Amino acid sequence: MRGVKDAEAINAAVGSPEKDDDKKNVVIVGSSFIGMEVALALADKAKLTVVGMEDAPFSKILGEPIGNGIRKFQCAHSHLT
């Protein structure tokens, strides 16, 4: 994700499905700031899987307890696995 054109291309590829069954599967590689921001932006548009090297998002920066809290929040508000 380098700029607005990348964001527009991702949004165009994902589309705007009306039913959950029509949502595309999206894999996001990276569970730090950019990856999790993309996950939040696509939360209502796609079925998401975030793949990261850490046990919890942001664990290297904010610590594992906060990272697990962020993961729980995102999972509760999206189709994130």
Protein backbone atom coordinates (compact mmCIF):
# COMPACT_ATOMS: atom_id res chain seq x y z
CA MET A 1 0.00 0.00 0.00
CA ARG A 2 1.95 2.95 -1.28
CA GLY A 3 -0.72 5.52 -1.95
CA VAL A 4 -4.21 6.45 -3.00
CA LYS A 5 -4.01 4.55 -6.30
CA ASP A 6 -3.21 1.33 -4.43
CA ALA A 7 -6.15 1.89 -2.07
CA GLU A 8 -8.48 2.56 -5.00
CA ALA A 9 -7.29 -0.58 -6.78
CA ILE A 10 -7.87 -2.72 -3.69
CA ASN A 11 -11.34 -1.26 -3.18
CA ALA A 12 -12.19 -1.86 -6.84
CA ALA A 13 -10.99 -5.47 -6.64
CA VAL A 14 -12.97 -6.18 -3.47
CA GLY A 15 -16.11 -4.40 -4.65
CA SER A 16 -19.17 -3.67 -2.52
CA PRO A 17 -20.98 -6.96 -1.93
CA GLU A 18 -24.47 -6.78 -0.46
CA LYS A 19 -24.49 -10.28 1.09
CA ASP A 20 -21.86 -11.99 3.25
CA ASP A 21 -21.84 -14.94 0.84
CA ASP A 22 -20.68 -12.61 -1.94
CA LYS A 23 -17.71 -11.21 0.00
CA LYS A 24 -14.29 -12.10 -1.35
CA ASN A 25 -11.58 -13.70 0.74
CA VAL A 26 -8.66 -11.34 1.32
CA VAL A 27 -5.33 -12.22 2.93
CA ILE A 28 -3.35 -9.35 4.43
CA VAL A 29 0.32 -10.06 5.09
CA GLY A 30 1.53 -8.01 8.04
CA SER A 31 -0.12 -7.29 11.36
CA SER A 32 1.32 -3.90 12.18
CA PHE A 33 -0.01 -0.45 11.39
CA ILE A 34 -0.54 -0.65 7.62
CA GLY A 35 -1.85 -4.22 7.60
CA MET A 36 -4.30 -3.61 10.41
CA GLU A 37 -5.43 -0.32 8.89
CA VAL A 38 -6.18 -2.12 5.63
CA ALA A 39 -8.05 -4.78 7.61
CA LEU A 40 -10.23 -2.15 9.26
CA ALA A 41 -10.88 -0.45 5.92
CA LEU A 42 -12.02 -3.74 4.35
CA ALA A 43 -13.86 -5.08 7.41
CA ASP A 44 -17.33 -4.64 5.93
CA LYS A 45 -16.37 -5.52 2.38
CA ALA A 46 -14.46 -8.82 2.60
CA LYS A 47 -13.72 -11.93 4.60
CA LEU A 48 -10.27 -11.21 6.01
CA THR A 49 -7.29 -13.20 7.17
CA VAL A 50 -4.36 -11.30 8.62
CA VAL A 51 -1.03 -13.13 8.65
CA GLY A 52 1.73 -11.78 10.85
CA MET A 53 4.95 -13.01 12.38
CA GLU A 54 3.90 -12.01 15.89
CA ASP A 55 1.50 -13.87 18.16
CA ALA A 56 -0.67 -10.74 18.36
CA PRO A 57 -0.96 -7.60 16.21
CA PHE A 58 1.34 -4.78 17.32
CA SER A 59 2.94 -7.00 19.98
CA LYS A 60 6.47 -5.77 19.22
CA ILE A 61 5.39 -2.15 19.59
CA LEU A 62 2.56 -2.14 22.12
CA GLY A 63 2.98 -5.48 23.88
CA GLU A 64 1.08 -8.73 23.61
CA PRO A 65 -1.82 -7.83 25.98
CA ILE A 66 -2.70 -4.73 23.95
CA GLY A 67 -2.19 -6.62 20.68
CA ASN A 68 -4.61 -9.32 21.83
CA GLY A 69 -7.13 -6.63 22.77
CA ILE A 70 -6.85 -5.11 19.30
CA ARG A 71 -7.31 -8.56 17.73
CA LYS A 72 -10.46 -9.18 19.82
CA PHE A 73 -11.87 -5.79 18.83
CA GLN A 74 -11.21 -6.37 15.14
CA CYS A 75 -12.63 -9.90 15.20
CA ALA A 76 -15.78 -8.64 16.91
CA HIS A 77 -16.29 -5.94 14.27
CA SER A 78 -15.41 -7.77 11.06
CA HIS A 79 -15.03 -11.13 9.31
CA LEU A 80 -11.42 -11.29 10.46
CA THR A 81 -9.66 -14.56 11.23
